[in-house]
Amino acid sequence: MKILKPKNLINCLVLGAFTLFSSSPAFADNDNSSDPIAAVASANDTPDNSSSNANVTKPARNSQNDNNAQSQQSQDAISNMLLQSVSLMGIAYKWGGNTPDTGMDCSGFVRYVFNKSLGINLPRTAAEMAKVGKRVSIDQLQPGDLIFFNSSRGSNTHIGIYLGGNKFIQSPRTGETIQITDLSGYWTKHFNGAKRIVQETQDDSGNSAVQSFQNVRDQALPVAARASGKRHGRASSRSRSSSKSNKSNRRNKSTVHKSTKSTTASKKKKKHN
């Protein structure tokens, strides 16, 4: 039997889930409808009919079985995180939203996925998330990495989860829903960096585990000066408008003052005559 490599397995799972959730409502009649990924997990936990036979003797567990189970769990952890993200497709964007019930913004979506699937609590905003984790370049991206973008609001003000195959999943903006997007065009132009929060590692014995970079705080993504200035564009505009208004008021006061002086001088001249 051909064994899929972990990366191929992850891509197959994500693409399969994408097909599943795109073709029909996500477990609308299931008790787990509020958490679609739980339905996927419960389906995987369904016991095999053959195991109900009392005459079947289960093989004794040994260290090799334990190692294989540990490796499978580490692979499943990242795969389940990606499945969790894909299962939320179609949920509406909501600024400041943190849950599927209320809708989620870009950072609320990422934070929910990592907390629900991996038990990792990330900071609330994209800008704060850009300060944690291991920094990776765009050509080193792996499924599960966080990717950050600049916008008119500043540096690292938008975030998504990389899925592989040059695609990422995001909660883009008001009026849209969580969706899978190509990492090209506008997004590559505004790409500002990527962070790795978790990574599968393997020791010399072939045992796999999930390594967390959640507490890495010395590899923050750059903050562009130009983008920072744009972040306060509205305030700057108001400031410029206020400055123009003040200048206009000073000119008006000066005109009134000159007019008053002229009127006073005219009255004095008439009185003298």
C-alpha atoms as a PDB file:
ATOM      1  CA  MET A   1       0.000   0.000   0.000  1.00  0.00           C
ATOM      2  CA  LYS A   2       1.311   3.453  -0.913  1.00  0.00           C
ATOM      3  CA  ILE A   3       1.856   5.702   2.108  1.00  0.00           C
ATOM      4  CA  LEU A   4       1.266   9.424   1.628  1.00  0.00           C
ATOM      5  CA  LYS A   5       3.872  11.815   2.925  1.00  0.00           C
ATOM      6  CA  PRO A   6       2.659  14.195   5.686  1.00  0.00           C
ATOM      7  CA  LYS A   7       2.589  17.248   3.385  1.00  0.00           C
ATOM      8  CA  ASN A   8       0.641  15.350   0.729  1.00  0.00           C
ATOM      9  CA  LEU A   9      -1.704  14.039   3.396  1.00  0.00           C
ATOM     10  CA  ILE A  10      -2.377  17.549   4.672  1.00  0.00           C
ATOM     11  CA  ASN A  11      -3.100  18.872   1.178  1.00  0.00           C
ATOM     12  CA  CYS A  12      -5.433  15.950   0.440  1.00  0.00           C
ATOM     13  CA  LEU A  13      -7.331  16.512   3.686  1.00  0.00           C
ATOM     14  CA  VAL A  14      -7.708  20.236   3.081  1.00  0.00           C
ATOM     15  CA  LEU A  15      -8.806  19.822  -0.532  1.00  0.00           C
ATOM     16  CA  GLY A  16     -11.214  17.083   0.473  1.00  0.00           C
ATOM     17  CA  ALA A  17     -12.711  19.235   3.204  1.00  0.00           C
ATOM     18  CA  PHE A  18     -12.927  22.187   0.802  1.00  0.00           C
ATOM     19  CA  THR A  19     -14.941  20.027  -1.618  1.00  0.00           C
ATOM     20  CA  LEU A  20     -17.164  18.757   1.178  1.00  0.00           C
ATOM     21  CA  PHE A  21     -18.043  22.128   2.659  1.00  0.00           C
ATOM     22  CA  SER A  22     -18.416  23.823  -0.720  1.00  0.00           C
ATOM     23  CA  SER A  23     -20.932  21.298  -2.031  1.00  0.00           C
ATOM     24  CA  SER A  24     -23.383  21.154   0.870  1.00  0.00           C
ATOM     25  CA  PRO A  25     -24.309  22.872   4.159  1.00  0.00           C
ATOM     26  CA  ALA A  26     -21.897  21.892   6.914  1.00  0.00           C
ATOM     27  CA  PHE A  27     -23.717  19.327   9.036  1.00  0.00           C
ATOM     28  CA  ALA A  28     -26.788  21.520   9.363  1.00  0.00           C
ATOM     29  CA  ASP A  29     -28.862  18.692  10.898  1.00  0.00           C
ATOM     30  CA  ASN A  30     -26.104  17.418  13.171  1.00  0.00           C
ATOM     31  CA  ASP A  31     -25.840  18.071  16.899  1.00  0.00           C
ATOM     32  CA  ASN A  32     -22.351  19.390  16.186  1.00  0.00           C
ATOM     33  CA  SER A  33     -23.622  22.008  13.707  1.00  0.00           C
ATOM     34  CA  SER A  34     -22.177  24.844  15.784  1.00  0.00           C
ATOM     35  CA  ASP A  35     -18.749  23.236  15.494  1.00  0.00           C
ATOM     36  CA  PRO A  36     -18.436  21.495  12.079  1.00  0.00           C
ATOM     37  CA  ILE A  37     -14.980  20.124  12.779  1.00  0.00           C
ATOM     38  CA  ALA A  38     -16.362  18.198  15.773  1.00  0.00           C
ATOM     39  CA  ALA A  39     -18.607  16.305  13.376  1.00  0.00           C
ATOM     40  CA  VAL A  40     -15.594  15.367  11.279  1.00  0.00           C
ATOM     41  CA  ALA A  41     -13.773  14.191  14.398  1.00  0.00           C
ATOM     42  CA  SER A  42     -16.751  12.153  15.627  1.00  0.00           C
ATOM     43  CA  ALA A  43     -17.012  10.499  12.219  1.00  0.00           C
ATOM     44  CA  ASN A  44     -13.360   9.481  12.474  1.00  0.00           C
ATOM     45  CA  ASP A  45     -13.989   8.070  15.950  1.00  0.00           C
ATOM     46  CA  THR A  46     -16.815   5.771  14.806  1.00  0.00           C
ATOM     47  CA  PRO A  47     -15.826   2.202  15.828  1.00  0.00           C
ATOM     48  CA  ASP A  48     -15.315  -0.399  13.129  1.00  0.00           C
ATOM     49  CA  ASN A  49     -17.954  -3.137  13.026  1.00  0.00           C
ATOM     50  CA  SER A  50     -15.312  -5.835  13.146  1.00  0.00           C
ATOM     51  CA  SER A  51     -14.072  -4.564  16.507  1.00  0.00           C
ATOM     52  CA  SER A  52     -17.411  -5.440  18.103  1.00  0.00           C
ATOM     53  CA  ASN A  53     -16.672  -9.144  17.690  1.00  0.00           C
ATOM     54  CA  ALA A  54     -15.649 -10.446  21.113  1.00  0.00           C
ATOM     55  CA  ASN A  55     -13.536 -13.196  19.597  1.00  0.00           C
ATOM     56  CA  VAL A  56     -11.162 -10.762  17.934  1.00  0.00           C
ATOM     57  CA  THR A  57      -7.967 -10.379  19.947  1.00  0.00           C
ATOM     58  CA  LYS A  58      -6.351  -6.962  19.792  1.00  0.00           C
ATOM     59  CA  PRO A  59      -2.544  -6.953  19.386  1.00  0.00           C
ATOM     60  CA  ALA A  60      -0.558  -5.896  22.426  1.00  0.00           C
ATOM     61  CA  ARG A  61       0.788  -2.356  22.269  1.00  0.00           C
ATOM     62  CA  ASN A  62       4.530  -1.967  22.074  1.00  0.00           C
ATOM     63  CA  SER A  63       6.958   0.913  21.868  1.00  0.00           C
ATOM     64  CA  GLN A  64       6.867   0.891  18.070  1.00  0.00           C
ATOM     65  CA  ASN A  65       3.075   1.222  18.119  1.00  0.00           C
ATOM     66  CA  ASP A  66       3.358   4.051  20.624  1.00  0.00           C
ATOM     67  CA  ASN A  67       5.881   5.868  18.440  1.00  0.00           C
ATOM     68  CA  ASN A  68       3.675   5.480  15.380  1.00  0.00           C
ATOM     69  CA  ALA A  69       0.676   6.754  17.328  1.00  0.00           C
ATOM     70  CA  GLN A  70       2.644   9.779  18.526  1.00  0.00           C
ATOM     71  CA  SER A  71       3.766  10.550  14.981  1.00  0.00           C
ATOM     72  CA  GLN A  72       0.214  10.230  13.686  1.00  0.00           C
ATOM     73  CA  GLN A  73      -1.081  12.531  16.434  1.00  0.00           C
ATOM     74  CA  SER A  74       1.435  15.235  15.555  1.00  0.00           C
ATOM     75  CA  GLN A  75       0.482  15.030  11.893  1.00  0.00           C
ATOM     76  CA  ASP A  76      -3.196  15.042  12.806  1.00  0.00           C
ATOM     77  CA  ALA A  77      -2.779  18.143  14.985  1.00  0.00           C
ATOM     78  CA  ILE A  78      -1.759  20.353  12.061  1.00  0.00           C
ATOM     79  CA  SER A  79      -4.149  18.624   9.661  1.00  0.00           C
ATOM     80  CA  ASN A  80      -7.053  19.135  12.065  1.00  0.00           C
ATOM     81  CA  MET A  81      -6.122  22.795  12.421  1.00  0.00           C
ATOM     82  CA  LEU A  82      -6.363  23.210   8.643  1.00  0.00           C
ATOM     83  CA  LEU A  83      -9.628  21.261   8.570  1.00  0.00           C
ATOM     84  CA  GLN A  84     -10.932  23.507  11.342  1.00  0.00           C
ATOM     85  CA  SER A  85     -10.187  26.593   9.272  1.00  0.00           C
ATOM     86  CA  VAL A  86     -11.795  25.200   6.104  1.00  0.00           C
ATOM     87  CA  SER A  87     -14.897  24.099   8.020  1.00  0.00           C
ATOM     88  CA  LEU A  88     -15.596  27.759   8.828  1.00  0.00           C
ATOM     89  CA  MET A  89     -15.847  28.823   5.195  1.00  0.00           C
ATOM     90  CA  GLY A  90     -18.975  30.851   4.479  1.00  0.00           C
ATOM     91  CA  ILE A  91     -19.150  32.521   7.901  1.00  0.00           C
ATOM     92  CA  ALA A  92     -19.622  36.265   7.527  1.00  0.00           C
ATOM     93  CA  TYR A  93     -16.937  38.828   8.317  1.00  0.00           C
ATOM     94  CA  LYS A  94     -17.699  40.782  11.481  1.00  0.00           C
ATOM     95  CA  TRP A  95     -15.358  43.495  12.709  1.00  0.00           C
ATOM     96  CA  GLY A  96     -14.304  42.571  16.241  1.00  0.00           C
ATOM     97  CA  GLY A  97     -16.037  39.171  15.973  1.00  0.00           C
ATOM     98  CA  ASN A  98     -14.464  36.155  17.675  1.00  0.00           C
ATOM     99  CA  THR A  99     -16.850  33.213  17.164  1.00  0.00           C
ATOM    100  CA  PRO A 100     -18.735  31.520  14.318  1.00  0.00           C
ATOM    101  CA  ASP A 101     -22.038  32.586  15.891  1.00  0.00           C
ATOM    102  CA  THR A 102     -21.230  36.305  15.768  1.00  0.00           C
ATOM    103  CA  GLY A 103     -19.038  36.298  12.661  1.00  0.00           C
ATOM    104  CA  MET A 104     -15.297  36.906  12.750  1.00  0.00           C
ATOM    105  CA  ASP A 105     -12.768  39.410  11.480  1.00  0.00           C
ATOM    106  CA  CYS A 106      -9.400  38.282  10.109  1.00  0.00           C
ATOM    107  CA  SER A 107      -7.570  38.031  13.426  1.00  0.00           C
ATOM    108  CA  GLY A 108     -10.609  36.709  15.316  1.00  0.00           C
ATOM    109  CA  PHE A 109     -10.854  33.884  12.776  1.00  0.00           C
ATOM    110  CA  VAL A 110      -7.157  32.930  13.104  1.00  0.00           C
ATOM    111  CA  ARG A 111      -7.274  33.151  16.886  1.00  0.00           C
ATOM    112  CA  TYR A 112     -10.379  30.947  17.061  1.00  0.00           C
ATOM    113  CA  VAL A 113      -8.863  28.257  14.814  1.00  0.00           C
ATOM    114  CA  PHE A 114      -5.592  28.004  16.750  1.00  0.00           C
ATOM    115  CA  ASN A 115      -7.341  27.995  20.110  1.00  0.00           C
ATOM    116  CA  LYS A 116      -9.989  25.468  19.102  1.00  0.00           C
ATOM    117  CA  SER A 117      -7.708  23.004  17.332  1.00  0.00           C
ATOM    118  CA  LEU A 118      -4.342  23.386  19.082  1.00  0.00           C
ATOM    119  CA  GLY A 119      -5.177  25.044  22.398  1.00  0.00           C
ATOM    120  CA  ILE A 120      -2.901  27.978  21.515  1.00  0.00           C
ATOM    121  CA  ASN A 121      -3.983  31.448  22.622  1.00  0.00           C
ATOM    122  CA  LEU A 122      -2.727  34.043  20.156  1.00  0.00           C
ATOM    123  CA  PRO A 123      -2.936  37.827  20.694  1.00  0.00           C
ATOM    124  CA  ARG A 124      -6.192  39.458  19.594  1.00  0.00           C
ATOM    125  CA  THR A 125      -5.031  41.677  16.722  1.00  0.00           C
ATOM    126  CA  ALA A 126      -3.058  40.895  13.566  1.00  0.00           C
ATOM    127  CA  ALA A 127      -0.453  43.523  14.470  1.00  0.00           C
ATOM    128  CA  GLU A 128       0.146  41.816  17.824  1.00  0.00           C
ATOM    129  CA  MET A 129       0.263  38.359  16.228  1.00  0.00           C
ATOM    130  CA  ALA A 130       3.022  39.639  13.937  1.00  0.00           C
ATOM    131  CA  LYS A 131       5.217  39.951  17.048  1.00  0.00           C
ATOM    132  CA  VAL A 132       5.045  36.263  18.045  1.00  0.00           C
ATOM    133  CA  GLY A 133       6.278  33.089  16.375  1.00  0.00           C
ATOM    134  CA  LYS A 134       9.164  32.143  14.128  1.00  0.00           C
ATOM    135  CA  ARG A 135       9.685  34.355  11.111  1.00  0.00           C
ATOM    136  CA  VAL A 136       9.755  32.600   7.710  1.00  0.00           C
ATOM    137  CA  SER A 137      10.202  33.850   4.159  1.00  0.00           C
ATOM    138  CA  ILE A 138       7.565  33.524   1.464  1.00  0.00           C
ATOM    139  CA  ASP A 139       9.481  30.720  -0.268  1.00  0.00           C
ATOM    140  CA  GLN A 140       9.585  28.726   3.001  1.00  0.00           C
ATOM    141  CA  LEU A 141       5.845  28.761   3.638  1.00  0.00           C
ATOM    142  CA  GLN A 142       4.268  25.586   4.987  1.00  0.00           C
ATOM    143  CA  PRO A 143       0.584  24.769   5.595  1.00  0.00           C
ATOM    144  CA  GLY A 144      -0.501  26.340   8.866  1.00  0.00           C
ATOM    145  CA  ASP A 145       1.825  29.362   8.693  1.00  0.00           C
ATOM    146  CA  LEU A 146       0.352  32.799   9.322  1.00  0.00           C
ATOM    147  CA  ILE A 147       0.739  35.365   6.544  1.00  0.00           C
ATOM    148  CA  PHE A 148       0.496  39.107   7.099  1.00  0.00           C
ATOM    149  CA  PHE A 149      -0.405  41.989   4.822  1.00  0.00           C
ATOM    150  CA  ASN A 150      -0.188  45.768   4.877  1.00  0.00           C
ATOM    151  CA  SER A 151      -3.275  47.844   4.188  1.00  0.00           C
ATOM    152  CA  SER A 152      -4.334  51.478   4.251  1.00  0.00           C
ATOM    153  CA  ARG A 153      -4.679  51.057   8.034  1.00  0.00           C
ATOM    154  CA  GLY A 154      -1.008  50.235   8.479  1.00  0.00           C
ATOM    155  CA  SER A 155       1.496  47.393   8.604  1.00  0.00           C
ATOM    156  CA  ASN A 156       0.395  43.863   9.501  1.00  0.00           C
ATOM    157  CA  THR A 157      -3.257  44.872   9.696  1.00  0.00           C
ATOM    158  CA  HIS A 158      -4.568  41.825   7.803  1.00  0.00           C
ATOM    159  CA  ILE A 159      -3.840  38.129   8.348  1.00  0.00           C
ATOM    160  CA  GLY A 160      -4.613  34.708   6.873  1.00  0.00           C
ATOM    161  CA  ILE A 161      -3.614  31.047   7.261  1.00  0.00           C
ATOM    162  CA  TYR A 162      -1.507  29.473   4.513  1.00  0.00           C
ATOM    163  CA  LEU A 163      -2.974  26.213   3.189  1.00  0.00           C
ATOM    164  CA  GLY A 164      -0.348  25.203   0.628  1.00  0.00           C
ATOM    165  CA  GLY A 165      -0.457  25.285  -3.156  1.00  0.00           C
ATOM    166  CA  ASN A 166      -0.097  29.089  -3.084  1.00  0.00           C
ATOM    167  CA  LYS A 167      -3.485  29.458  -1.392  1.00  0.00           C
ATOM    168  CA  PHE A 168      -4.543  30.838   1.961  1.00  0.00           C
ATOM    169  CA  ILE A 169      -7.778  31.144   3.912  1.00  0.00           C
ATOM    170  CA  GLN A 170      -8.970  34.460   5.321  1.00  0.00           C
ATOM    171  CA  SER A 171     -11.885  36.507   6.586  1.00  0.00           C
ATOM    172  CA  PRO A 172     -11.405  39.433   4.201  1.00  0.00           C
ATOM    173  CA  ARG A 173     -13.749  42.359   4.795  1.00  0.00           C
ATOM    174  CA  THR A 174     -17.269  43.558   5.605  1.00  0.00           C
ATOM    175  CA  GLY A 175     -19.805  42.090   3.212  1.00  0.00           C
ATOM    176  CA  GLU A 176     -17.724  38.981   2.486  1.00  0.00           C
ATOM    177  CA  THR A 177     -17.269  35.581   4.117  1.00  0.00           C
ATOM    178  CA  ILE A 178     -14.373  33.352   5.151  1.00  0.00           C
ATOM    179  CA  GLN A 179     -12.871  32.072   1.908  1.00  0.00           C
ATOM    180  CA  ILE A 180      -9.850  30.498   0.218  1.00  0.00           C
ATOM    181  CA  THR A 181      -7.797  32.958  -1.859  1.00  0.00           C
ATOM    182  CA  ASP A 182      -4.856  32.738  -4.251  1.00  0.00           C
ATOM    183  CA  LEU A 183      -1.672  34.281  -2.895  1.00  0.00           C
ATOM    184  CA  SER A 184      -1.095  36.427  -5.977  1.00  0.00           C
ATOM    185  CA  GLY A 185      -1.721  39.871  -7.435  1.00  0.00           C
ATOM    186  CA  TYR A 186      -2.873  42.313  -4.759  1.00  0.00           C
ATOM    187  CA  TRP A 187      -1.933  39.927  -1.967  1.00  0.00           C
ATOM    188  CA  THR A 188       1.677  39.381  -3.023  1.00  0.00           C
ATOM    189  CA  LYS A 189       2.053  43.133  -3.527  1.00  0.00           C
ATOM    190  CA  HIS A 190       0.871  43.822   0.034  1.00  0.00           C
ATOM    191  CA  PHE A 191       2.508  40.765   1.639  1.00  0.00           C
ATOM    192  CA  ASN A 192       4.614  41.849   4.627  1.00  0.00           C
ATOM    193  CA  GLY A 193       5.877  38.564   6.064  1.00  0.00           C
ATOM    194  CA  ALA A 194       4.952  35.222   7.586  1.00  0.00           C
ATOM    195  CA  LYS A 195       5.133  33.574  10.991  1.00  0.00           C
ATOM    196  CA  ARG A 196       5.283  29.914  11.997  1.00  0.00           C
ATOM    197  CA  ILE A 197       3.482  29.136  15.230  1.00  0.00           C
ATOM    198  CA  VAL A 198       3.657  25.327  15.059  1.00  0.00           C
ATOM    199  CA  GLN A 199       5.845  22.897  13.160  1.00  0.00           C
ATOM    200  CA  GLU A 200       6.126  19.130  12.969  1.00  0.00           C
ATOM    201  CA  THR A 201       9.576  17.912  14.003  1.00  0.00           C
ATOM    202  CA  GLN A 202      11.184  14.481  13.784  1.00  0.00           C
ATOM    203  CA  ASP A 203      14.016  13.030  15.842  1.00  0.00           C
ATOM    204  CA  ASP A 204      16.704  10.536  14.778  1.00  0.00           C
ATOM    205  CA  SER A 205      14.421   7.632  15.671  1.00  0.00           C
ATOM    206  CA  GLY A 206      11.694   8.885  13.354  1.00  0.00           C
ATOM    207  CA  ASN A 207       9.399  10.027  16.150  1.00  0.00           C
ATOM    208  CA  SER A 208       7.324  13.122  15.303  1.00  0.00           C
ATOM    209  CA  ALA A 209       6.051  15.851  17.565  1.00  0.00           C
ATOM    210  CA  VAL A 210       4.531  19.317  17.219  1.00  0.00           C
ATOM    211  CA  GLN A 211       6.880  22.117  18.206  1.00  0.00           C
ATOM    212  CA  SER A 212       5.351  25.433  19.238  1.00  0.00           C
ATOM    213  CA  PHE A 213       6.939  28.833  18.601  1.00  0.00           C
ATOM    214  CA  GLN A 214       4.192  30.672  20.449  1.00  0.00           C
ATOM    215  CA  ASN A 215       6.612  32.159  22.966  1.00  0.00           C
ATOM    216  CA  VAL A 216       9.163  33.394  20.403  1.00  0.00           C
ATOM    217  CA  ARG A 217       9.019  37.190  20.755  1.00  0.00           C
ATOM    218  CA  ASP A 218      12.224  38.441  19.154  1.00  0.00           C
ATOM    219  CA  GLN A 219      11.325  38.013  15.466  1.00  0.00           C
ATOM    220  CA  ALA A 220       8.652  40.661  14.939  1.00  0.00           C
ATOM    221  CA  LEU A 221       7.685  41.524  11.376  1.00  0.00           C
ATOM    222  CA  PRO A 222       8.699  44.975  10.091  1.00  0.00           C
ATOM    223  CA  VAL A 223       6.487  48.018  10.419  1.00  0.00           C
ATOM    224  CA  ALA A 224       6.749  50.197   7.319  1.00  0.00           C
ATOM    225  CA  ALA A 225       7.008  53.930   7.990  1.00  0.00           C
ATOM    226  CA  ARG A 226       4.889  54.705   4.938  1.00  0.00           C
ATOM    227  CA  ALA A 227       2.144  52.329   6.038  1.00  0.00           C
ATOM    228  CA  SER A 228       2.269  53.706   9.574  1.00  0.00           C
ATOM    229  CA  GLY A 229       1.643  57.179   8.231  1.00  0.00           C
ATOM    230  CA  LYS A 230      -1.355  55.977   6.254  1.00  0.00           C
ATOM    231  CA  ARG A 231      -2.836  54.455   9.352  1.00  0.00           C
ATOM    232  CA  HIS A 232      -3.543  57.906  10.657  1.00  0.00           C
ATOM    233  CA  GLY A 233      -4.614  59.299   7.302  1.00  0.00           C
ATOM    234  CA  ARG A 234      -8.019  60.409   8.520  1.00  0.00           C
ATOM    235  CA  ALA A 235      -6.553  62.178  11.515  1.00  0.00           C
ATOM    236  CA  SER A 236      -3.980  63.892   9.322  1.00  0.00           C
ATOM    237  CA  SER A 237      -6.715  64.975   6.944  1.00  0.00           C
ATOM    238  CA  ARG A 238      -8.699  66.429   9.805  1.00  0.00           C
ATOM    239  CA  SER A 239      -5.577  68.170  11.051  1.00  0.00           C
ATOM    240  CA  ARG A 240      -4.922  69.713   7.643  1.00  0.00           C
ATOM    241  CA  SER A 241      -8.546  70.831   7.401  1.00  0.00           C
ATOM    242  CA  SER A 242      -8.338  72.367  10.865  1.00  0.00           C
ATOM    243  CA  SER A 243      -5.136  74.194   9.930  1.00  0.00           C
ATOM    244  CA  LYS A 244      -6.736  75.618   6.783  1.00  0.00           C
ATOM    245  CA  SER A 245      -9.768  76.701   8.795  1.00  0.00           C
ATOM    246  CA  ASN A 246      -7.581  78.470  11.356  1.00  0.00           C
ATOM    247  CA  LYS A 247      -5.710  80.316   8.625  1.00  0.00           C
ATOM    248  CA  SER A 248      -8.985  81.384   7.061  1.00  0.00           C
ATOM    249  CA  ASN A 249     -10.258  82.631  10.415  1.00  0.00           C
ATOM    250  CA  ARG A 250      -7.088  84.641  10.971  1.00  0.00           C
ATOM    251  CA  ARG A 251      -7.445  86.234   7.540  1.00  0.00           C
ATOM    252  CA  ASN A 252     -11.073  87.082   8.258  1.00  0.00           C
ATOM    253  CA  LYS A 253     -10.146  88.611  11.619  1.00  0.00           C
ATOM    254  CA  SER A 254      -7.415  90.633   9.964  1.00  0.00           C
ATOM    255  CA  THR A 255      -9.865  91.922   7.340  1.00  0.00           C
ATOM    256  CA  VAL A 256     -12.410  92.863  10.008  1.00  0.00           C
ATOM    257  CA  HIS A 257      -9.703  94.607  12.049  1.00  0.00           C
ATOM    258  CA  LYS A 258      -8.560  96.632   9.042  1.00  0.00           C
ATOM    259  CA  SER A 259     -12.154  97.534   8.220  1.00  0.00           C
ATOM    260  CA  THR A 260     -12.752  98.662  11.811  1.00  0.00           C
ATOM    261  CA  LYS A 261      -9.623 100.839  11.768  1.00  0.00           C
ATOM    262  CA  SER A 262     -10.692 102.381   8.469  1.00  0.00           C
ATOM    263  CA  THR A 263     -14.168 103.148   9.794  1.00  0.00           C
ATOM    264  CA  THR A 264     -12.765 104.716  12.981  1.00  0.00           C
ATOM    265  CA  ALA A 265     -10.348 106.874  11.014  1.00  0.00           C
ATOM    266  CA  SER A 266     -13.152 108.043   8.738  1.00  0.00           C
ATOM    267  CA  LYS A 267     -15.316 109.041  11.707  1.00  0.00           C
ATOM    268  CA  LYS A 268     -12.453 110.988  13.296  1.00  0.00           C
ATOM    269  CA  LYS A 269     -11.820 112.837  10.021  1.00  0.00           C
ATOM    270  CA  LYS A 270     -15.482 113.850   9.700  1.00  0.00           C
ATOM    271  CA  LYS A 271     -15.550 115.016  13.313  1.00  0.00           C
ATOM    272  CA  HIS A 272     -12.427 117.094  12.835  1.00  0.00           C
ATOM    273  CA  ASN A 273     -13.943 118.767   9.764  1.00  0.00           C
END
